[in-house]
Amino acid sequence: METKRLEIRRFNSDDWQDLYDYLSDEEVVRFEPYSTFNKEQAKKEAERRANDDSFWAVCLKENNKLIGNLYFCQQEPKKFMTWEIGYVFNRTFSGKGYATESSDRLLQYGFETCNAHRIQAHCNPQNIASWRLLERLRMRREGYFIQKAFFHCDEQGNPLWHDAYEYAILSNEWFERSK
């Protein structure tokens, strides 16, 4: 897939260095279900993502630099035609609209190619950049879930629960706004 400035493609194992550039950044992975990656982990993760249709590499057209990734996965039960979208981007490239541009293109792909009925996203309410992005995409905040999940534990092994927003957009809303 392409946009004016970006190529959105499948991962390959050679993407590990660019993946490492942002997955090794504590601030980037702060709200993710994993911690920072070292180089060896980034190599393995690039290989894993190369074999996982849920992950898309977002690259600058001008130099093919991988600057982030999108996640797009159909949810169960499949007959409901609901997909989930997510994103993680290199901070060096933030504030330029790349996450919005690529996520918007992925929504288009979801509704026009995958025949999605609904596309949803979740984010931590403390992740202001994330929920602002979802609102720029004109997704609707549908819920605020208190202590919905945890990704990490404290030193004693106790869960560090976090809240979550849920956003969504329906196919008819997408097509109406695209007119």
Protein backbone atom coordinates (compact mmCIF):
# COMPACT_ATOMS: atom_id res chain seq x y z
CA MET A 1 0.00 0.00 0.00
CA GLU A 2 1.11 3.54 -0.56
CA THR A 3 0.29 7.06 0.50
CA LYS A 4 1.72 10.31 -0.76
CA ARG A 5 4.85 9.98 1.40
CA LEU A 6 4.85 6.39 2.66
CA GLU A 7 5.06 2.78 1.61
CA ILE A 8 3.20 0.33 3.84
CA ARG A 9 4.51 -3.16 3.29
CA ARG A 10 5.11 -6.50 4.94
CA PHE A 11 8.12 -6.84 7.20
CA ASN A 12 11.26 -8.67 6.18
CA SER A 13 14.11 -9.95 8.33
CA ASP A 14 16.40 -7.15 7.09
CA ASP A 15 14.20 -4.61 8.91
CA TRP A 16 15.72 -5.47 12.28
CA GLN A 17 18.02 -2.42 12.57
CA ASP A 18 15.26 0.13 11.95
CA LEU A 19 12.96 -1.88 14.22
CA TYR A 20 15.63 -1.82 16.91
CA ASP A 21 15.97 1.96 16.52
CA TYR A 22 12.50 2.50 17.96
CA LEU A 23 11.77 -0.66 19.97
CA SER A 24 14.91 0.01 22.04
CA ASP A 25 13.45 3.38 23.10
CA GLU A 26 11.82 3.20 26.56
CA GLU A 27 9.51 6.09 25.77
CA VAL A 28 8.25 4.42 22.57
CA VAL A 29 7.40 1.11 24.27
CA ARG A 30 6.10 2.68 27.49
CA PHE A 31 2.47 1.71 26.75
CA GLU A 32 3.21 -1.53 24.88
CA PRO A 33 2.85 -5.10 26.22
CA TYR A 34 6.62 -5.58 26.00
CA SER A 35 9.79 -3.89 27.22
CA THR A 36 12.65 -2.47 25.18
CA PHE A 37 14.39 -4.75 22.70
CA ASN A 38 18.10 -5.40 22.39
CA LYS A 39 19.64 -6.03 18.96
CA GLU A 40 19.27 -9.80 19.13
CA GLN A 41 15.62 -9.51 20.15
CA ALA A 42 15.02 -7.02 17.32
CA LYS A 43 16.47 -9.50 14.81
CA LYS A 44 14.15 -12.23 16.07
CA GLU A 45 11.18 -9.84 16.13
CA ALA A 46 11.80 -8.71 12.54
CA GLU A 47 11.85 -12.36 11.47
CA ARG A 48 8.67 -13.08 13.43
CA ARG A 49 6.86 -10.09 11.95
CA ALA A 50 7.98 -11.12 8.47
CA ASN A 51 5.85 -14.23 9.02
CA ASP A 52 2.90 -12.49 10.70
CA ASP A 53 0.26 -10.93 8.43
CA SER A 54 -0.91 -8.70 11.30
CA PHE A 55 2.15 -6.43 11.14
CA TRP A 56 2.88 -3.82 8.49
CA ALA A 57 6.13 -1.88 8.12
CA VAL A 58 5.74 1.85 7.49
CA CYS A 59 8.58 3.25 5.37
CA LEU A 60 9.42 6.63 3.91
CA LYS A 61 9.14 6.53 0.12
CA GLU A 62 12.11 8.87 -0.31
CA ASN A 63 14.67 6.47 1.21
CA ASN A 64 12.80 3.29 2.27
CA LYS A 65 13.60 4.02 5.96
CA LEU A 66 11.34 2.00 8.26
CA ILE A 67 9.89 4.54 10.72
CA GLY A 68 7.21 2.52 12.47
CA ASN A 69 4.72 -0.26 12.24
CA LEU A 70 1.01 -0.85 12.08
CA TYR A 71 -0.90 -3.75 13.55
CA PHE A 72 -4.11 -4.91 11.88
CA CYS A 73 -5.80 -8.14 12.91
CA GLN A 74 -9.25 -9.61 12.53
CA GLN A 75 -10.88 -10.36 15.88
CA GLU A 76 -12.92 -13.36 16.92
CA PRO A 77 -15.60 -14.29 16.11
CA LYS A 78 -14.66 -13.66 12.49
CA LYS A 79 -18.30 -13.52 11.36
CA PHE A 80 -18.59 -10.13 13.11
CA MET A 81 -16.04 -8.69 10.64
CA THR A 82 -14.27 -6.67 13.36
CA TRP A 83 -10.61 -5.74 13.06
CA GLU A 84 -8.23 -4.10 15.51
CA ILE A 85 -5.68 -1.46 14.54
CA GLY A 86 -2.56 -0.43 16.43
CA TYR A 87 0.66 1.46 15.77
CA VAL A 88 4.15 2.12 17.10
CA PHE A 89 6.44 4.77 15.59
CA ASN A 90 10.00 5.97 15.94
CA ARG A 91 9.98 9.21 17.99
CA THR A 92 12.51 10.78 15.62
CA PHE A 93 9.72 10.99 13.03
CA SER A 94 6.89 12.13 15.30
CA GLY A 95 4.91 15.29 14.67
CA LYS A 96 5.01 14.92 10.89
CA GLY A 97 1.66 13.16 10.39
CA TYR A 98 3.13 9.79 9.38
CA ALA A 99 1.13 7.78 11.91
CA THR A 100 -2.10 9.48 10.86
CA GLU A 101 -1.35 9.10 7.15
CA SER A 102 -0.47 5.41 7.38
CA SER A 103 -3.28 4.52 9.81
CA ASP A 104 -5.83 6.26 7.61
CA ARG A 105 -4.59 4.23 4.64
CA LEU A 106 -4.89 1.05 6.70
CA LEU A 107 -8.49 1.93 7.61
CA GLN A 108 -9.18 2.33 3.90
CA TYR A 109 -7.64 -1.09 3.25
CA GLY A 110 -9.72 -2.61 6.05
CA PHE A 111 -13.04 -1.29 4.80
CA GLU A 112 -12.46 -1.44 1.05
CA THR A 113 -10.39 -4.62 0.73
CA CYS A 114 -11.06 -6.70 3.86
CA ASN A 115 -14.77 -5.80 3.95
CA ALA A 116 -14.54 -4.91 7.65
CA HIS A 117 -17.77 -3.94 9.39
CA ARG A 118 -15.98 -2.35 12.36
CA ILE A 119 -12.41 -1.35 13.14
CA GLN A 120 -11.49 -0.75 16.76
CA ALA A 121 -8.48 0.38 18.74
CA HIS A 122 -7.45 0.47 22.39
CA CYS A 123 -5.06 2.79 24.15
CA ASN A 124 -4.02 3.83 27.61
CA PRO A 125 -5.71 7.14 28.58
CA GLN A 126 -2.28 8.41 29.65
CA ASN A 127 -1.06 7.94 26.07
CA ILE A 128 -2.37 11.29 24.86
CA ALA A 129 -0.64 11.09 21.47
CA SER A 130 -2.37 7.76 20.79
CA TRP A 131 -5.93 8.81 21.57
CA ARG A 132 -5.44 12.11 19.73
CA LEU A 133 -4.37 10.11 16.68
CA LEU A 134 -7.51 7.98 16.92
CA GLU A 135 -9.62 11.12 17.11
CA ARG A 136 -7.83 12.60 14.06
CA LEU A 137 -8.87 9.41 12.27
CA ARG A 138 -12.43 10.29 13.30
CA MET A 139 -12.82 7.17 15.35
CA ARG A 140 -15.35 7.39 18.17
CA ARG A 141 -14.39 6.88 21.82
CA GLU A 142 -16.81 4.20 22.93
CA GLY A 143 -15.58 3.26 26.35
CA TYR A 144 -13.35 3.89 29.30
CA PHE A 145 -12.33 0.67 31.01
CA ILE A 146 -10.85 0.89 34.50
CA GLN A 147 -7.97 -1.48 35.26
CA LYS A 148 -8.69 -3.44 32.08
CA ALA A 149 -5.31 -5.10 31.74
CA PHE A 150 -1.68 -5.20 32.81
CA PHE A 151 1.49 -5.69 30.81
CA HIS A 152 4.03 -5.51 33.62
CA CYS A 153 4.38 -6.34 37.30
CA ASP A 154 6.09 -4.58 40.19
CA GLU A 155 9.12 -5.99 42.04
CA GLN A 156 6.84 -8.21 44.18
CA GLY A 157 5.13 -9.67 41.11
CA ASN A 158 1.91 -7.70 41.56
CA PRO A 159 0.15 -6.63 38.36
CA LEU A 160 0.47 -2.97 37.37
CA TRP A 161 -3.08 -2.51 36.10
CA HIS A 162 -3.88 0.19 33.58
CA ASP A 163 -7.04 1.76 32.25
CA ALA A 164 -7.97 1.74 28.56
CA TYR A 165 -10.00 3.71 26.07
CA GLU A 166 -11.77 1.90 23.28
CA TYR A 167 -12.28 3.63 19.94
CA ALA A 168 -14.10 2.37 16.84
CA ILE A 169 -15.42 3.32 13.44
CA LEU A 170 -18.03 1.46 11.38
CA SER A 171 -17.87 0.84 7.66
CA ASN A 172 -20.88 3.06 6.94
CA GLU A 173 -19.21 5.90 8.89
CA TRP A 174 -15.98 5.40 6.94
CA PHE A 175 -17.70 5.45 3.56
CA GLU A 176 -19.82 8.45 4.51
CA ARG A 177 -16.78 10.48 5.56
CA SER A 178 -14.88 9.38 2.42
CA LYS A 179 -17.48 10.90 0.06
